[in-house]
Amino acid sequence: DAEHARAVVEAVADLSSRLGRALPVLGLPGVVADVAASAGLPFVHEAFLDRGYTIAGGLVPRGEPGALIDDPAQVAERALRLVRDGDVETVSGTRIAVDAASLCLHGDTPSAVSMARAVRAALDDAGVEVHAPW
């Protein structure tokens, strides 16, 4: 939604000017990325490890089947696949390309801590360096 995207980008731009450096805006590609670019702010594409994806690359709306993934092993495997292969399996079983620099887990999932630990362990075991993309 363009109105929400503008509000978020304006807040990040305001904080950036106060800090004297451009902070990145994180999100899915689309409107918010376009608004961030027009404001001269860096944009970091994030991928969601614990959310289902549609074939169009969006997130399955909460409440629909496949919207949430709460199995730590499955979430850790998604993280590895995103890092290694740059893709994610959609709810229909198709793999789509996702060029993300940030991996997101939602803290409101009951197994969020277990998922975060499983993701970090899987990335460490695979020799993936974890760092901020900015």
N, C-alpha and C. Protein backbone atom coordinates (compact mmCIF):
# COMPACT_ATOMS: atom_id res chain seq x y z
N ASP A 1 0.85 -1.16 0.00
CA ASP A 1 0.00 0.00 0.00
C ASP A 1 0.90 1.24 0.00
N ALA A 2 0.70 2.10 -0.97
CA ALA A 2 1.58 3.25 -1.16
C ALA A 2 1.57 4.21 0.03
N GLU A 3 0.42 4.40 0.64
CA GLU A 3 0.34 5.31 1.78
C GLU A 3 1.18 4.81 2.95
N HIS A 4 1.06 3.52 3.24
CA HIS A 4 1.86 2.95 4.34
C HIS A 4 3.34 2.95 3.99
N ALA A 5 3.65 2.65 2.74
CA ALA A 5 5.05 2.65 2.31
C ALA A 5 5.67 4.03 2.48
N ARG A 6 4.94 5.06 2.07
CA ARG A 6 5.45 6.43 2.23
C ARG A 6 5.67 6.77 3.71
N ALA A 7 4.74 6.36 4.58
CA ALA A 7 4.88 6.65 6.01
C ALA A 7 6.11 5.98 6.59
N VAL A 8 6.33 4.73 6.23
CA VAL A 8 7.51 4.00 6.72
C VAL A 8 8.78 4.65 6.20
N VAL A 9 8.83 4.93 4.92
CA VAL A 9 10.03 5.52 4.32
C VAL A 9 10.29 6.91 4.90
N GLU A 10 9.24 7.69 5.11
CA GLU A 10 9.43 9.02 5.72
C GLU A 10 10.02 8.90 7.12
N ALA A 11 9.55 7.92 7.90
CA ALA A 11 10.09 7.72 9.25
C ALA A 11 11.55 7.30 9.20
N VAL A 12 11.90 6.40 8.28
CA VAL A 12 13.29 5.96 8.14
C VAL A 12 14.16 7.12 7.65
N ALA A 13 13.65 7.92 6.73
CA ALA A 13 14.40 9.07 6.23
C ALA A 13 14.64 10.08 7.35
N ASP A 14 13.63 10.31 8.17
CA ASP A 14 13.77 11.25 9.29
C ASP A 14 14.84 10.75 10.26
N LEU A 15 14.77 9.49 10.64
CA LEU A 15 15.77 8.93 11.55
C LEU A 15 17.15 8.94 10.91
N SER A 16 17.21 8.65 9.63
CA SER A 16 18.49 8.67 8.91
C SER A 16 19.13 10.06 8.98
N SER A 17 18.32 11.09 8.77
CA SER A 17 18.88 12.45 8.80
C SER A 17 19.34 12.80 10.21
N ARG A 18 18.64 12.34 11.22
CA ARG A 18 19.05 12.61 12.61
C ARG A 18 20.36 11.90 12.94
N LEU A 19 20.55 10.70 12.38
CA LEU A 19 21.76 9.92 12.65
C LEU A 19 22.92 10.31 11.74
N GLY A 20 22.59 10.99 10.65
CA GLY A 20 23.63 11.38 9.70
C GLY A 20 24.09 10.28 8.77
N ARG A 21 23.27 9.26 8.63
CA ARG A 21 23.58 8.17 7.69
C ARG A 21 22.27 7.53 7.22
N ALA A 22 22.29 7.04 6.00
CA ALA A 22 21.09 6.45 5.41
C ALA A 22 20.86 5.05 5.95
N LEU A 23 19.78 4.88 6.67
CA LEU A 23 19.40 3.56 7.15
C LEU A 23 18.63 2.82 6.06
N PRO A 24 18.77 1.52 5.98
CA PRO A 24 18.04 0.78 4.95
C PRO A 24 16.59 0.53 5.35
N VAL A 25 15.77 0.37 4.35
CA VAL A 25 14.39 -0.04 4.52
C VAL A 25 14.33 -1.51 4.14
N LEU A 26 13.77 -2.35 5.02
CA LEU A 26 13.64 -3.77 4.74
C LEU A 26 12.22 -4.08 4.32
N GLY A 27 12.06 -5.02 3.39
CA GLY A 27 10.73 -5.43 2.99
C GLY A 27 10.73 -6.32 1.77
N LEU A 28 9.53 -6.64 1.32
CA LEU A 28 9.35 -7.37 0.08
C LEU A 28 9.49 -6.39 -1.08
N PRO A 29 9.93 -6.88 -2.24
CA PRO A 29 10.02 -5.97 -3.37
C PRO A 29 8.63 -5.46 -3.75
N GLY A 30 8.61 -4.30 -4.38
CA GLY A 30 7.33 -3.72 -4.78
C GLY A 30 7.26 -2.27 -4.38
N VAL A 31 6.11 -1.86 -3.88
CA VAL A 31 5.85 -0.45 -3.60
C VAL A 31 6.86 0.13 -2.63
N VAL A 32 7.10 -0.53 -1.50
CA VAL A 32 8.01 0.04 -0.50
C VAL A 32 9.42 0.17 -1.06
N ALA A 33 9.85 -0.75 -1.89
CA ALA A 33 11.18 -0.65 -2.51
C ALA A 33 11.24 0.56 -3.43
N ASP A 34 10.17 0.76 -4.19
CA ASP A 34 10.12 1.90 -5.11
C ASP A 34 10.13 3.23 -4.35
N VAL A 35 9.36 3.30 -3.27
CA VAL A 35 9.29 4.53 -2.49
C VAL A 35 10.64 4.80 -1.81
N ALA A 36 11.28 3.75 -1.29
CA ALA A 36 12.60 3.91 -0.67
C ALA A 36 13.60 4.43 -1.69
N ALA A 37 13.59 3.87 -2.90
CA ALA A 37 14.52 4.30 -3.95
C ALA A 37 14.29 5.76 -4.31
N SER A 38 13.03 6.18 -4.42
CA SER A 38 12.75 7.57 -4.78
C SER A 38 13.15 8.53 -3.66
N ALA A 39 13.25 8.01 -2.42
CA ALA A 39 13.69 8.85 -1.30
C ALA A 39 15.21 8.78 -1.12
N GLY A 40 15.87 7.99 -1.96
CA GLY A 40 17.33 7.87 -1.87
C GLY A 40 17.81 6.98 -0.74
N LEU A 41 16.93 6.12 -0.24
CA LEU A 41 17.32 5.21 0.83
C LEU A 41 17.62 3.82 0.27
N PRO A 42 18.60 3.14 0.85
CA PRO A 42 18.87 1.77 0.41
C PRO A 42 17.71 0.87 0.79
N PHE A 43 17.47 -0.14 -0.03
CA PHE A 43 16.41 -1.10 0.23
C PHE A 43 17.04 -2.48 0.35
N VAL A 44 16.63 -3.22 1.38
CA VAL A 44 17.11 -4.58 1.59
C VAL A 44 15.92 -5.52 1.47
N HIS A 45 15.99 -6.39 0.48
CA HIS A 45 14.91 -7.36 0.26
C HIS A 45 15.03 -8.44 1.33
N GLU A 46 13.93 -8.66 2.05
CA GLU A 46 13.94 -9.72 3.05
C GLU A 46 13.06 -10.88 2.61
N ALA A 47 13.43 -12.05 3.08
CA ALA A 47 12.65 -13.26 2.83
C ALA A 47 12.10 -13.72 4.17
N PHE A 48 10.94 -14.32 4.13
CA PHE A 48 10.28 -14.78 5.34
C PHE A 48 10.37 -16.29 5.43
N LEU A 49 11.06 -16.76 6.44
CA LEU A 49 11.31 -18.19 6.60
C LEU A 49 10.09 -18.93 7.12
N ASP A 50 9.26 -18.26 7.88
CA ASP A 50 8.14 -18.91 8.55
C ASP A 50 6.78 -18.56 7.95
N ARG A 51 6.80 -18.05 6.73
CA ARG A 51 5.56 -17.71 6.04
C ARG A 51 5.50 -18.39 4.69
N GLY A 52 4.30 -18.78 4.28
CA GLY A 52 4.11 -19.38 2.99
C GLY A 52 4.13 -18.33 1.89
N TYR A 53 4.64 -18.73 0.73
CA TYR A 53 4.71 -17.84 -0.44
C TYR A 53 3.72 -18.29 -1.49
N THR A 54 3.17 -17.32 -2.21
CA THR A 54 2.32 -17.61 -3.36
C THR A 54 3.21 -17.74 -4.59
N ILE A 55 2.66 -18.23 -5.66
CA ILE A 55 3.41 -18.38 -6.92
C ILE A 55 3.85 -17.01 -7.45
N ALA A 56 3.13 -15.94 -7.09
CA ALA A 56 3.48 -14.59 -7.53
C ALA A 56 4.58 -13.97 -6.68
N GLY A 57 5.02 -14.67 -5.64
CA GLY A 57 6.10 -14.17 -4.80
C GLY A 57 5.63 -13.40 -3.58
N GLY A 58 4.32 -13.30 -3.39
CA GLY A 58 3.80 -12.64 -2.20
C GLY A 58 3.62 -13.64 -1.07
N LEU A 59 3.23 -13.14 0.07
CA LEU A 59 2.99 -14.01 1.22
C LEU A 59 1.54 -14.47 1.21
N VAL A 60 1.33 -15.73 1.58
CA VAL A 60 -0.01 -16.25 1.73
C VAL A 60 -0.67 -15.51 2.89
N PRO A 61 -1.86 -14.95 2.69
CA PRO A 61 -2.51 -14.23 3.78
C PRO A 61 -2.70 -15.11 5.02
N ARG A 62 -2.44 -14.51 6.18
CA ARG A 62 -2.64 -15.26 7.43
C ARG A 62 -4.09 -15.73 7.48
N GLY A 63 -4.28 -16.92 7.98
CA GLY A 63 -5.61 -17.49 8.05
C GLY A 63 -5.89 -18.44 6.90
N GLU A 64 -5.12 -18.36 5.82
CA GLU A 64 -5.28 -19.29 4.71
C GLU A 64 -4.33 -20.47 4.91
N PRO A 65 -4.70 -21.63 4.37
CA PRO A 65 -3.83 -22.81 4.51
C PRO A 65 -2.42 -22.53 3.97
N GLY A 66 -1.43 -22.94 4.73
CA GLY A 66 -0.04 -22.78 4.31
C GLY A 66 0.56 -21.43 4.62
N ALA A 67 -0.18 -20.55 5.30
CA ALA A 67 0.32 -19.20 5.57
C ALA A 67 1.47 -19.21 6.56
N LEU A 68 1.41 -20.10 7.55
CA LEU A 68 2.42 -20.13 8.60
C LEU A 68 3.17 -21.45 8.61
N ILE A 69 4.45 -21.37 8.84
CA ILE A 69 5.30 -22.56 8.96
C ILE A 69 5.92 -22.49 10.34
N ASP A 70 5.70 -23.50 11.15
CA ASP A 70 6.21 -23.44 12.52
C ASP A 70 7.11 -24.61 12.91
N ASP A 71 7.50 -25.41 11.94
CA ASP A 71 8.40 -26.53 12.21
C ASP A 71 9.84 -26.04 12.10
N PRO A 72 10.60 -26.06 13.21
CA PRO A 72 11.98 -25.54 13.17
C PRO A 72 12.85 -26.19 12.10
N ALA A 73 12.73 -27.49 11.90
CA ALA A 73 13.55 -28.15 10.88
C ALA A 73 13.20 -27.67 9.48
N GLN A 74 11.92 -27.50 9.20
CA GLN A 74 11.49 -27.03 7.89
C GLN A 74 11.94 -25.59 7.66
N VAL A 75 11.83 -24.76 8.69
CA VAL A 75 12.25 -23.37 8.58
C VAL A 75 13.76 -23.28 8.35
N ALA A 76 14.53 -24.10 9.06
CA ALA A 76 15.99 -24.11 8.88
C ALA A 76 16.35 -24.55 7.47
N GLU A 77 15.65 -25.54 6.93
CA GLU A 77 15.91 -25.99 5.56
C GLU A 77 15.58 -24.89 4.56
N ARG A 78 14.50 -24.15 4.79
CA ARG A 78 14.16 -23.03 3.91
C ARG A 78 15.26 -21.98 3.92
N ALA A 79 15.81 -21.71 5.11
CA ALA A 79 16.90 -20.73 5.20
C ALA A 79 18.10 -21.18 4.38
N LEU A 80 18.48 -22.44 4.52
CA LEU A 80 19.62 -22.95 3.75
C LEU A 80 19.36 -22.88 2.26
N ARG A 81 18.17 -23.25 1.84
CA ARG A 81 17.85 -23.22 0.41
C ARG A 81 17.87 -21.78 -0.12
N LEU A 82 17.35 -20.85 0.66
CA LEU A 82 17.39 -19.45 0.24
C LEU A 82 18.82 -18.96 0.08
N VAL A 83 19.67 -19.30 1.05
CA VAL A 83 21.06 -18.85 1.01
C VAL A 83 21.83 -19.53 -0.12
N ARG A 84 21.66 -20.83 -0.25
CA ARG A 84 22.42 -21.60 -1.26
C ARG A 84 21.90 -21.41 -2.68
N ASP A 85 20.57 -21.54 -2.83
CA ASP A 85 19.99 -21.61 -4.17
C ASP A 85 19.18 -20.38 -4.57
N GLY A 86 18.87 -19.51 -3.62
CA GLY A 86 18.11 -18.30 -3.93
C GLY A 86 16.68 -18.57 -4.33
N ASP A 87 16.09 -19.63 -3.76
CA ASP A 87 14.68 -19.87 -4.08
C ASP A 87 13.94 -20.39 -2.85
N VAL A 88 12.62 -20.40 -2.97
CA VAL A 88 11.73 -20.86 -1.91
C VAL A 88 10.60 -21.65 -2.55
N GLU A 89 10.12 -22.65 -1.82
CA GLU A 89 8.99 -23.43 -2.32
C GLU A 89 7.69 -22.74 -1.94
N THR A 90 6.81 -22.57 -2.93
CA THR A 90 5.52 -21.93 -2.69
C THR A 90 4.55 -22.95 -2.10
N VAL A 91 3.38 -22.48 -1.69
CA VAL A 91 2.38 -23.38 -1.14
C VAL A 91 1.88 -24.37 -2.19
N SER A 92 2.05 -24.06 -3.47
CA SER A 92 1.64 -24.98 -4.52
C SER A 92 2.74 -25.97 -4.89
N GLY A 93 3.91 -25.84 -4.25
CA GLY A 93 5.01 -26.77 -4.52
C GLY A 93 5.99 -26.30 -5.57
N THR A 94 5.72 -25.18 -6.22
CA THR A 94 6.61 -24.62 -7.23
C THR A 94 7.72 -23.84 -6.53
N ARG A 95 8.91 -23.89 -7.09
CA ARG A 95 10.01 -23.10 -6.54
C ARG A 95 10.10 -21.79 -7.31
N ILE A 96 10.26 -20.68 -6.55
CA ILE A 96 10.40 -19.37 -7.17
C ILE A 96 11.69 -18.71 -6.67
N ALA A 97 12.30 -17.91 -7.52
CA ALA A 97 13.52 -17.20 -7.15
C ALA A 97 13.21 -16.10 -6.14
N VAL A 98 14.06 -15.99 -5.12
CA VAL A 98 13.95 -14.94 -4.12
C VAL A 98 15.36 -14.46 -3.85
N ASP A 99 15.64 -13.22 -4.25
CA ASP A 99 16.97 -12.64 -4.07
C ASP A 99 16.95 -11.78 -2.81
N ALA A 100 17.13 -12.42 -1.65
CA ALA A 100 17.01 -11.72 -0.39
C ALA A 100 18.36 -11.57 0.30
N ALA A 101 18.53 -10.44 0.98
CA ALA A 101 19.74 -10.20 1.77
C ALA A 101 19.46 -10.28 3.26
N SER A 102 18.20 -10.45 3.64
CA SER A 102 17.81 -10.53 5.04
C SER A 102 16.79 -11.65 5.21
N LEU A 103 16.94 -12.41 6.27
CA LEU A 103 16.02 -13.51 6.57
C LEU A 103 15.21 -13.14 7.81
N CYS A 104 13.89 -13.26 7.71
CA CYS A 104 13.00 -12.85 8.79
C CYS A 104 12.27 -14.04 9.39
N LEU A 105 12.19 -14.03 10.71
CA LEU A 105 11.32 -14.93 11.47
C LEU A 105 10.40 -14.04 12.30
N HIS A 106 9.15 -14.41 12.40
CA HIS A 106 8.20 -13.63 13.19
C HIS A 106 8.24 -14.07 14.66
N GLY A 107 8.35 -13.13 15.54
CA GLY A 107 8.43 -13.42 16.96
C GLY A 107 7.12 -13.83 17.60
N ASP A 108 6.00 -13.69 16.88
CA ASP A 108 4.71 -14.04 17.46
C ASP A 108 4.34 -15.50 17.24
N THR A 109 5.22 -16.27 16.62
CA THR A 109 4.99 -17.70 16.43
C THR A 109 5.43 -18.41 17.70
N PRO A 110 4.61 -19.32 18.24
CA PRO A 110 4.99 -19.99 19.49
C PRO A 110 6.37 -20.67 19.45
N SER A 111 6.78 -21.16 18.32
CA SER A 111 8.07 -21.84 18.22
C SER A 111 9.18 -20.93 17.68
N ALA A 112 9.01 -19.62 17.80
CA ALA A 112 9.97 -18.67 17.23
C ALA A 112 11.39 -18.88 17.75
N VAL A 113 11.56 -19.08 19.03
CA VAL A 113 12.90 -19.25 19.59
C VAL A 113 13.53 -20.54 19.06
N SER A 114 12.78 -21.61 19.04
CA SER A 114 13.28 -22.88 18.51
C SER A 114 13.65 -22.75 17.04
N MET A 115 12.82 -22.04 16.30
CA MET A 115 13.10 -21.84 14.87
C MET A 115 14.38 -21.03 14.69
N ALA A 116 14.53 -19.96 15.45
CA ALA A 116 15.73 -19.12 15.33
C ALA A 116 16.98 -19.93 15.66
N ARG A 117 16.92 -20.73 16.69
CA ARG A 117 18.07 -21.57 17.05
C ARG A 117 18.38 -22.57 15.95
N ALA A 118 17.34 -23.18 15.38
CA ALA A 118 17.54 -24.17 14.32
C ALA A 118 18.13 -23.51 13.07
N VAL A 119 17.65 -22.32 12.73
CA VAL A 119 18.18 -21.60 11.56
C VAL A 119 19.64 -21.26 11.77
N ARG A 120 19.95 -20.70 12.93
CA ARG A 120 21.35 -20.32 13.19
C ARG A 120 22.27 -21.52 13.17
N ALA A 121 21.83 -22.63 13.79
CA ALA A 121 22.65 -23.84 13.80
C ALA A 121 22.86 -24.37 12.38
N ALA A 122 21.81 -24.37 11.57
CA ALA A 122 21.92 -24.86 10.19
C ALA A 122 22.86 -23.98 9.38
N LEU A 123 22.75 -22.67 9.53
CA LEU A 123 23.63 -21.75 8.80
C LEU A 123 25.08 -21.92 9.27
N ASP A 124 25.29 -22.01 10.58
CA ASP A 124 26.64 -22.22 11.11
C ASP A 124 27.23 -23.54 10.59
N ASP A 125 26.44 -24.62 10.66
CA ASP A 125 26.91 -25.93 10.21
C ASP A 125 27.28 -25.92 8.73
N ALA A 126 26.57 -25.09 7.95
CA ALA A 126 26.83 -25.00 6.51
C ALA A 126 27.96 -24.02 6.19
N GLY A 127 28.51 -23.37 7.21
CA GLY A 127 29.59 -22.41 7.00
C GLY A 127 29.14 -21.08 6.45
N VAL A 128 27.87 -20.74 6.64
CA VAL A 128 27.34 -19.47 6.15
C VAL A 128 27.65 -18.38 7.16
N GLU A 129 28.28 -17.31 6.70
CA GLU A 129 28.59 -16.17 7.56
C GLU A 129 27.34 -15.32 7.72
N VAL A 130 26.94 -15.09 8.94
CA VAL A 130 25.77 -14.27 9.22
C VAL A 130 26.23 -12.88 9.59
N HIS A 131 25.71 -11.87 8.89
CA HIS A 131 26.09 -10.49 9.15
C HIS A 131 25.01 -9.56 8.63
N ALA A 132 25.02 -8.34 9.10
CA ALA A 132 24.06 -7.35 8.61
C ALA A 132 24.43 -6.99 7.17
N PRO A 133 23.43 -6.88 6.29
CA PRO A 133 23.73 -6.56 4.88
C PRO A 133 24.01 -5.09 4.62
N TRP A 134 24.06 -4.26 5.64
CA TRP A 134 24.30 -2.84 5.44
C TRP A 134 25.44 -2.36 6.29
